[in-house]
Amino acid sequence: MGALAAKVSSRGQVVLPKEIRRQLNIKQGDILLFVVEDNTVRMFPQPESYAHYTRGLGKEMWAKLGGGERFLHEERTSWD
């Protein structure tokens, strides 16, 4: 999909193009999150469950540490 445009109203409102709503499965009443990075805005639907949404984040880090069990064992050993 190429770039789509939407006009900002006098109240700061924007109508999301139908193609975007369909692609992201955005429905009436959904909450959208906005992230500003430098001069760019990213928008995405608020996840129903943050636990499900963030599952697996950092797994590369845990792999570098030898896995969670190994890291936990080494950490507990250092307490003695």
PDB file of N, CA and C in Angstrom:
ATOM      1  N   MET A   1       0.859  -1.167   0.000  1.00  0.00           N
ATOM      2  CA  MET A   1       0.000   0.000   0.000  1.00  0.00           C
ATOM      3  C   MET A   1       0.904   1.229   0.000  1.00  0.00           C
ATOM      4  N   GLY A   2       0.584   2.173  -0.829  1.00  0.00           N
ATOM      5  CA  GLY A   2       1.340   3.418  -0.886  1.00  0.00           C
ATOM      6  C   GLY A   2       0.891   4.373   0.203  1.00  0.00           C
ATOM      7  N   ALA A   3       1.381   5.586   0.133  1.00  0.00           N
ATOM      8  CA  ALA A   3       1.029   6.615   1.118  1.00  0.00           C
ATOM      9  C   ALA A   3      -0.422   7.040   0.921  1.00  0.00           C
ATOM     10  N   LEU A   4      -1.118   7.232   2.021  1.00  0.00           N
ATOM     11  CA  LEU A   4      -2.494   7.732   1.999  1.00  0.00           C
ATOM     12  C   LEU A   4      -2.523   9.044   2.767  1.00  0.00           C
ATOM     13  N   ALA A   5      -3.436   9.925   2.404  1.00  0.00           N
ATOM     14  CA  ALA A   5      -3.525  11.233   3.051  1.00  0.00           C
ATOM     15  C   ALA A   5      -4.872  11.382   3.742  1.00  0.00           C
ATOM     16  N   ALA A   6      -4.888  12.188   4.809  1.00  0.00           N
ATOM     17  CA  ALA A   6      -6.116  12.527   5.523  1.00  0.00           C
ATOM     18  C   ALA A   6      -5.955  13.951   6.027  1.00  0.00           C
ATOM     19  N   LYS A   7      -7.020  14.713   5.949  1.00  0.00           N
ATOM     20  CA  LYS A   7      -7.000  16.119   6.350  1.00  0.00           C
ATOM     21  C   LYS A   7      -7.334  16.250   7.836  1.00  0.00           C
ATOM     22  N   VAL A   8      -6.629  17.135   8.526  1.00  0.00           N
ATOM     23  CA  VAL A   8      -6.880  17.400   9.939  1.00  0.00           C
ATOM     24  C   VAL A   8      -7.981  18.455  10.029  1.00  0.00           C
ATOM     25  N   SER A   9      -9.022  18.166  10.840  1.00  0.00           N
ATOM     26  CA  SER A   9     -10.133  19.107  10.999  1.00  0.00           C
ATOM     27  C   SER A   9      -9.738  20.235  11.948  1.00  0.00           C
ATOM     28  N   SER A  10     -10.613  21.219  12.083  1.00  0.00           N
ATOM     29  CA  SER A  10     -10.357  22.342  12.990  1.00  0.00           C
ATOM     30  C   SER A  10     -10.292  21.881  14.442  1.00  0.00           C
ATOM     31  N   ARG A  11     -10.843  20.713  14.744  1.00  0.00           N
ATOM     32  CA  ARG A  11     -10.795  20.157  16.103  1.00  0.00           C
ATOM     33  C   ARG A  11      -9.633  19.175  16.276  1.00  0.00           C
ATOM     34  N   GLY A  12      -8.748  19.090  15.271  1.00  0.00           N
ATOM     35  CA  GLY A  12      -7.601  18.199  15.360  1.00  0.00           C
ATOM     36  C   GLY A  12      -7.933  16.754  15.071  1.00  0.00           C
ATOM     37  N   GLN A  13      -9.075  16.502  14.480  1.00  0.00           N
ATOM     38  CA  GLN A  13      -9.490  15.134  14.198  1.00  0.00           C
ATOM     39  C   GLN A  13      -9.080  14.715  12.794  1.00  0.00           C
ATOM     40  N   VAL A  14      -8.796  13.421  12.650  1.00  0.00           N
ATOM     41  CA  VAL A  14      -8.423  12.846  11.360  1.00  0.00           C
ATOM     42  C   VAL A  14      -9.269  11.596  11.152  1.00  0.00           C
ATOM     43  N   VAL A  15      -9.782  11.412   9.955  1.00  0.00           N
ATOM     44  CA  VAL A  15     -10.502  10.186   9.625  1.00  0.00           C
ATOM     45  C   VAL A  15      -9.496   9.223   9.004  1.00  0.00           C
ATOM     46  N   LEU A  16      -9.372   8.044   9.604  1.00  0.00           N
ATOM     47  CA  LEU A  16      -8.451   7.047   9.064  1.00  0.00           C
ATOM     48  C   LEU A  16      -9.025   6.465   7.778  1.00  0.00           C
ATOM     49  N   PRO A  17      -8.238   6.425   6.730  1.00  0.00           N
ATOM     50  CA  PRO A  17      -8.733   5.832   5.490  1.00  0.00           C
ATOM     51  C   PRO A  17      -9.201   4.398   5.699  1.00  0.00           C
ATOM     52  N   LYS A  18     -10.227   4.021   4.964  1.00  0.00           N
ATOM     53  CA  LYS A  18     -10.836   2.697   5.097  1.00  0.00           C
ATOM     54  C   LYS A  18      -9.819   1.570   4.919  1.00  0.00           C
ATOM     55  N   GLU A  19      -8.889   1.727   3.976  1.00  0.00           N
ATOM     56  CA  GLU A  19      -7.888   0.693   3.731  1.00  0.00           C
ATOM     57  C   GLU A  19      -7.022   0.450   4.970  1.00  0.00           C
ATOM     58  N   ILE A  20      -6.675   1.521   5.683  1.00  0.00           N
ATOM     59  CA  ILE A  20      -5.866   1.385   6.896  1.00  0.00           C
ATOM     60  C   ILE A  20      -6.669   0.712   7.995  1.00  0.00           C
ATOM     61  N   ARG A  21      -7.927   1.139   8.174  1.00  0.00           N
ATOM     62  CA  ARG A  21      -8.773   0.518   9.201  1.00  0.00           C
ATOM     63  C   ARG A  21      -8.940  -0.966   8.936  1.00  0.00           C
ATOM     64  N   ARG A  22      -9.110  -1.326   7.697  1.00  0.00           N
ATOM     65  CA  ARG A  22      -9.293  -2.729   7.339  1.00  0.00           C
ATOM     66  C   ARG A  22      -8.002  -3.523   7.574  1.00  0.00           C
ATOM     67  N   GLN A  23      -6.867  -2.973   7.133  1.00  0.00           N
ATOM     68  CA  GLN A  23      -5.592  -3.681   7.278  1.00  0.00           C
ATOM     69  C   GLN A  23      -5.216  -3.891   8.740  1.00  0.00           C
ATOM     70  N   LEU A  24      -5.492  -2.908   9.611  1.00  0.00           N
ATOM     71  CA  LEU A  24      -5.150  -3.008  11.033  1.00  0.00           C
ATOM     72  C   LEU A  24      -6.308  -3.525  11.882  1.00  0.00           C
ATOM     73  N   ASN A  25      -7.432  -3.842  11.233  1.00  0.00           N
ATOM     74  CA  ASN A  25      -8.623  -4.331  11.933  1.00  0.00           C
ATOM     75  C   ASN A  25      -9.065  -3.357  13.020  1.00  0.00           C
ATOM     76  N   ILE A  26      -9.099  -2.075  12.675  1.00  0.00           N
ATOM     77  CA  ILE A  26      -9.533  -1.033  13.617  1.00  0.00           C
ATOM     78  C   ILE A  26     -11.030  -0.827  13.456  1.00  0.00           C
ATOM     79  N   LYS A  27     -11.729  -0.914  14.600  1.00  0.00           N
ATOM     80  CA  LYS A  27     -13.176  -0.754  14.592  1.00  0.00           C
ATOM     81  C   LYS A  27     -13.590   0.434  15.471  1.00  0.00           C
ATOM     82  N   GLN A  28     -14.810   0.866  15.313  1.00  0.00           N
ATOM     83  CA  GLN A  28     -15.342   1.966  16.124  1.00  0.00           C
ATOM     84  C   GLN A  28     -15.176   1.634  17.607  1.00  0.00           C
ATOM     85  N   GLY A  29     -14.664   2.595  18.374  1.00  0.00           N
ATOM     86  CA  GLY A  29     -14.470   2.414  19.805  1.00  0.00           C
ATOM     87  C   GLY A  29     -13.097   1.889  20.188  1.00  0.00           C
ATOM     88  N   ASP A  30     -12.320   1.403  19.212  1.00  0.00           N
ATOM     89  CA  ASP A  30     -10.965   0.939  19.513  1.00  0.00           C
ATOM     90  C   ASP A  30     -10.108   2.113  19.984  1.00  0.00           C
ATOM     91  N   ILE A  31      -9.107   1.820  20.808  1.00  0.00           N
ATOM     92  CA  ILE A  31      -8.175   2.840  21.287  1.00  0.00           C
ATOM     93  C   ILE A  31      -6.890   2.708  20.491  1.00  0.00           C
ATOM     94  N   LEU A  32      -6.385   3.839  20.005  1.00  0.00           N
ATOM     95  CA  LEU A  32      -5.148   3.862  19.237  1.00  0.00           C
ATOM     96  C   LEU A  32      -4.043   4.507  20.056  1.00  0.00           C
ATOM     97  N   LEU A  33      -2.844   3.988  19.927  1.00  0.00           N
ATOM     98  CA  LEU A  33      -1.684   4.547  20.609  1.00  0.00           C
ATOM     99  C   LEU A  33      -0.821   5.277  19.586  1.00  0.00           C
ATOM    100  N   PHE A  34      -0.240   6.402  20.001  1.00  0.00           N
ATOM    101  CA  PHE A  34       0.616   7.200  19.126  1.00  0.00           C
ATOM    102  C   PHE A  34       1.985   7.323  19.771  1.00  0.00           C
ATOM    103  N   VAL A  35       3.028   7.084  18.986  1.00  0.00           N
ATOM    104  CA  VAL A  35       4.399   7.202  19.442  1.00  0.00           C
ATOM    105  C   VAL A  35       5.094   8.217  18.538  1.00  0.00           C
ATOM    106  N   VAL A  36       5.702   9.242  19.156  1.00  0.00           N
ATOM    107  CA  VAL A  36       6.431  10.252  18.394  1.00  0.00           C
ATOM    108  C   VAL A  36       7.918   9.953  18.506  1.00  0.00           C
ATOM    109  N   GLU A  37       8.568   9.799  17.374  1.00  0.00           N
ATOM    110  CA  GLU A  37      10.012   9.565  17.314  1.00  0.00           C
ATOM    111  C   GLU A  37      10.587  10.551  16.313  1.00  0.00           C
ATOM    112  N   ASP A  38      11.419  11.455  16.816  1.00  0.00           N
ATOM    113  CA  ASP A  38      11.976  12.521  15.985  1.00  0.00           C
ATOM    114  C   ASP A  38      10.822  13.294  15.349  1.00  0.00           C
ATOM    115  N   ASN A  39      10.721  13.262  14.051  1.00  0.00           N
ATOM    116  CA  ASN A  39       9.670  14.019  13.356  1.00  0.00           C
ATOM    117  C   ASN A  39       8.649  13.070  12.726  1.00  0.00           C
ATOM    118  N   THR A  40       8.487  11.895  13.346  1.00  0.00           N
ATOM    119  CA  THR A  40       7.607  10.864  12.802  1.00  0.00           C
ATOM    120  C   THR A  40       6.625  10.409  13.878  1.00  0.00           C
ATOM    121  N   VAL A  41       5.402  10.101  13.454  1.00  0.00           N
ATOM    122  CA  VAL A  41       4.390   9.568  14.369  1.00  0.00           C
ATOM    123  C   VAL A  41       4.053   8.154  13.921  1.00  0.00           C
ATOM    124  N   ARG A  42       4.127   7.215  14.863  1.00  0.00           N
ATOM    125  CA  ARG A  42       3.684   5.848  14.601  1.00  0.00           C
ATOM    126  C   ARG A  42       2.390   5.633  15.366  1.00  0.00           C
ATOM    127  N   MET A  43       1.430   4.980  14.726  1.00  0.00           N
ATOM    128  CA  MET A  43       0.136   4.735  15.337  1.00  0.00           C
ATOM    129  C   MET A  43      -0.155   3.242  15.264  1.00  0.00           C
ATOM    130  N   PHE A  44      -0.682   2.690  16.360  1.00  0.00           N
ATOM    131  CA  PHE A  44      -1.080   1.293  16.322  1.00  0.00           C
ATOM    132  C   PHE A  44      -2.196   1.054  17.318  1.00  0.00           C
ATOM    133  N   PRO A  45      -3.019   0.022  17.077  1.00  0.00           N
ATOM    134  CA  PRO A  45      -4.121  -0.284  17.996  1.00  0.00           C
ATOM    135  C   PRO A  45      -3.584  -0.710  19.359  1.00  0.00           C
ATOM    136  N   GLN A  46      -4.265  -0.286  20.414  1.00  0.00           N
ATOM    137  CA  GLN A  46      -3.883  -0.716  21.761  1.00  0.00           C
ATOM    138  C   GLN A  46      -4.140  -2.215  21.863  1.00  0.00           C
ATOM    139  N   PRO A  47      -3.157  -2.974  22.327  1.00  0.00           N
ATOM    140  CA  PRO A  47      -3.367  -4.422  22.432  1.00  0.00           C
ATOM    141  C   PRO A  47      -4.403  -4.752  23.502  1.00  0.00           C
ATOM    142  N   GLU A  48      -5.120  -5.843  23.277  1.00  0.00           N
ATOM    143  CA  GLU A  48      -6.100  -6.289  24.272  1.00  0.00           C
ATOM    144  C   GLU A  48      -5.402  -6.755  25.537  1.00  0.00           C
ATOM    145  N   SER A  49      -4.226  -7.357  25.381  1.00  0.00           N
ATOM    146  CA  SER A  49      -3.464  -7.864  26.515  1.00  0.00           C
ATOM    147  C   SER A  49      -2.003  -7.491  26.322  1.00  0.00           C
ATOM    148  N   TYR A  50      -1.467  -6.670  27.225  1.00  0.00           N
ATOM    149  CA  TYR A  50      -0.056  -6.315  27.131  1.00  0.00           C
ATOM    150  C   TYR A  50       0.828  -7.520  27.417  1.00  0.00           C
ATOM    151  N   ALA A  51       0.372  -8.437  28.253  1.00  0.00           N
ATOM    152  CA  ALA A  51       1.147  -9.645  28.534  1.00  0.00           C
ATOM    153  C   ALA A  51       1.325 -10.456  27.254  1.00  0.00           C
ATOM    154  N   HIS A  52       0.257 -10.623  26.497  1.00  0.00           N
ATOM    155  CA  HIS A  52       0.331 -11.365  25.231  1.00  0.00           C
ATOM    156  C   HIS A  52       1.133 -10.577  24.198  1.00  0.00           C
ATOM    157  N   TYR A  53       0.952  -9.277  24.162  1.00  0.00           N
ATOM    158  CA  TYR A  53       1.613  -8.409  23.178  1.00  0.00           C
ATOM    159  C   TYR A  53       3.130  -8.388  23.368  1.00  0.00           C
ATOM    160  N   THR A  54       3.595  -8.421  24.617  1.00  0.00           N
ATOM    161  CA  THR A  54       5.028  -8.311  24.883  1.00  0.00           C
ATOM    162  C   THR A  54       5.711  -9.675  25.057  1.00  0.00           C
ATOM    163  N   ARG A  55       4.948 -10.745  24.956  1.00  0.00           N
ATOM    164  CA  ARG A  55       5.526 -12.075  25.130  1.00  0.00           C
ATOM    165  C   ARG A  55       6.630 -12.302  24.102  1.00  0.00           C
ATOM    166  N   GLY A  56       7.765 -12.747  24.568  1.00  0.00           N
ATOM    167  CA  GLY A  56       8.883 -13.036  23.690  1.00  0.00           C
ATOM    168  C   GLY A  56       9.865 -11.895  23.525  1.00  0.00           C
ATOM    169  N   LEU A  57       9.518 -10.703  24.030  1.00  0.00           N
ATOM    170  CA  LEU A  57      10.465  -9.596  23.934  1.00  0.00           C
ATOM    171  C   LEU A  57      11.699  -9.916  24.758  1.00  0.00           C
ATOM    172  N   GLY A  58      12.848  -9.658  24.220  1.00  0.00           N
ATOM    173  CA  GLY A  58      14.089  -9.892  24.946  1.00  0.00           C
ATOM    174  C   GLY A  58      14.594 -11.319  24.889  1.00  0.00           C
ATOM    175  N   LYS A  59      13.968 -12.177  24.082  1.00  0.00           N
ATOM    176  CA  LYS A  59      14.407 -13.573  24.073  1.00  0.00           C
ATOM    177  C   LYS A  59      15.832 -13.713  23.550  1.00  0.00           C
ATOM    178  N   GLU A  60      16.257 -12.783  22.681  1.00  0.00           N
ATOM    179  CA  GLU A  60      17.643 -12.821  22.210  1.00  0.00           C
ATOM    180  C   GLU A  60      18.605 -12.561  23.368  1.00  0.00           C
ATOM    181  N   MET A  61      18.219 -11.634  24.260  1.00  0.00           N
ATOM    182  CA  MET A  61      19.056 -11.330  25.417  1.00  0.00           C
ATOM    183  C   MET A  61      19.180 -12.558  26.321  1.00  0.00           C
ATOM    184  N   TRP A  62      18.060 -13.228  26.584  1.00  0.00           N
ATOM    185  CA  TRP A  62      18.101 -14.411  27.440  1.00  0.00           C
ATOM    186  C   TRP A  62      18.929 -15.513  26.801  1.00  0.00           C
ATOM    187  N   ALA A  63      18.868 -15.634  25.478  1.00  0.00           N
ATOM    188  CA  ALA A  63      19.670 -16.654  24.789  1.00  0.00           C
ATOM    189  C   ALA A  63      21.159 -16.360  24.972  1.00  0.00           C
ATOM    190  N   LYS A  64      21.555 -15.089  24.910  1.00  0.00           N
ATOM    191  CA  LYS A  64      22.958 -14.714  25.098  1.00  0.00           C
ATOM    192  C   LYS A  64      23.416 -15.012  26.525  1.00  0.00           C
ATOM    193  N   LEU A  65      22.491 -14.971  27.472  1.00  0.00           N
ATOM    194  CA  LEU A  65      22.823 -15.240  28.872  1.00  0.00           C
ATOM    195  C   LEU A  65      22.761 -16.730  29.201  1.00  0.00           C
ATOM    196  N   GLY A  66      22.453 -17.558  28.199  1.00  0.00           N
ATOM    197  CA  GLY A  66      22.392 -19.009  28.418  1.00  0.00           C
ATOM    198  C   GLY A  66      21.027 -19.487  28.856  1.00  0.00           C
ATOM    199  N   GLY A  67      20.021 -18.650  28.754  1.00  0.00           N
ATOM    200  CA  GLY A  67      18.667 -19.029  29.153  1.00  0.00           C
ATOM    201  C   GLY A  67      18.325 -18.509  30.538  1.00  0.00           C
ATOM    202  N   GLY A  68      17.051 -18.408  30.807  1.00  0.00           N
ATOM    203  CA  GLY A  68      16.582 -17.859  32.080  1.00  0.00           C
ATOM    204  C   GLY A  68      16.985 -18.680  33.284  1.00  0.00           C
ATOM    205  N   GLU A  69      16.914 -20.005  33.159  1.00  0.00           N
ATOM    206  CA  GLU A  69      17.254 -20.878  34.292  1.00  0.00           C
ATOM    207  C   GLU A  69      18.728 -20.735  34.662  1.00  0.00           C
ATOM    208  N   ARG A  70      19.589 -20.720  33.655  1.00  0.00           N
ATOM    209  CA  ARG A  70      21.020 -20.583  33.923  1.00  0.00           C
ATOM    210  C   ARG A  70      21.325 -19.236  34.559  1.00  0.00           C
ATOM    211  N   PHE A  71      20.736 -18.183  34.007  1.00  0.00           N
ATOM    212  CA  PHE A  71      20.953 -16.841  34.556  1.00  0.00           C
ATOM    213  C   PHE A  71      20.496 -16.769  36.004  1.00  0.00           C
ATOM    214  N   LEU A  72      19.315 -17.317  36.292  1.00  0.00           N
ATOM    215  CA  LEU A  72      18.770 -17.300  37.646  1.00  0.00           C
ATOM    216  C   LEU A  72      19.679 -18.071  38.599  1.00  0.00           C
ATOM    217  N   HIS A  73      20.173 -19.238  38.162  1.00  0.00           N
ATOM    218  CA  HIS A  73      21.081 -20.032  38.993  1.00  0.00           C
ATOM    219  C   HIS A  73      22.351 -19.242  39.311  1.00  0.00           C
ATOM    220  N   GLU A  74      22.955 -18.626  38.292  1.00  0.00           N
ATOM    221  CA  GLU A  74      24.175 -17.854  38.505  1.00  0.00           C
ATOM    222  C   GLU A  74      23.918 -16.654  39.420  1.00  0.00           C
ATOM    223  N   GLU A  75      22.791 -16.016  39.254  1.00  0.00           N
ATOM    224  CA  GLU A  75      22.451 -14.858  40.089  1.00  0.00           C
ATOM    225  C   GLU A  75      22.294 -15.282  41.549  1.00  0.00           C
ATOM    226  N   ARG A  76      21.569 -16.372  41.783  1.00  0.00           N
ATOM    227  CA  ARG A  76      21.379 -16.853  43.161  1.00  0.00           C
ATOM    228  C   ARG A  76      22.694 -17.311  43.778  1.00  0.00           C
ATOM    229  N   THR A  77      23.557 -17.931  42.977  1.00  0.00           N
ATOM    230  CA  THR A  77      24.869 -18.375  43.466  1.00  0.00           C
ATOM    231  C   THR A  77      25.707 -17.173  43.913  1.00  0.00           C
ATOM    232  N   SER A  78      25.579 -16.078  43.235  1.00  0.00           N
ATOM    233  CA  SER A  78      26.382 -14.881  43.577  1.00  0.00           C
ATOM    234  C   SER A  78      25.953 -14.260  44.907  1.00  0.00           C
ATOM    235  N   TRP A  79      24.810 -14.635  45.428  1.00  0.00           N
ATOM    236  CA  TRP A  79      24.325 -14.060  46.687  1.00  0.00           C
ATOM    237  C   TRP A  79      25.074 -14.625  47.889  1.00  0.00           C
ATOM    238  N   ASP A  80      25.655 -15.800  47.736  1.00  0.00           N
ATOM    239  CA  ASP A  80      26.321 -16.464  48.868  1.00  0.00           C
ATOM    240  C   ASP A  80      27.630 -15.823  49.207  1.00  0.00           C
TER     241      ASP A  80
END
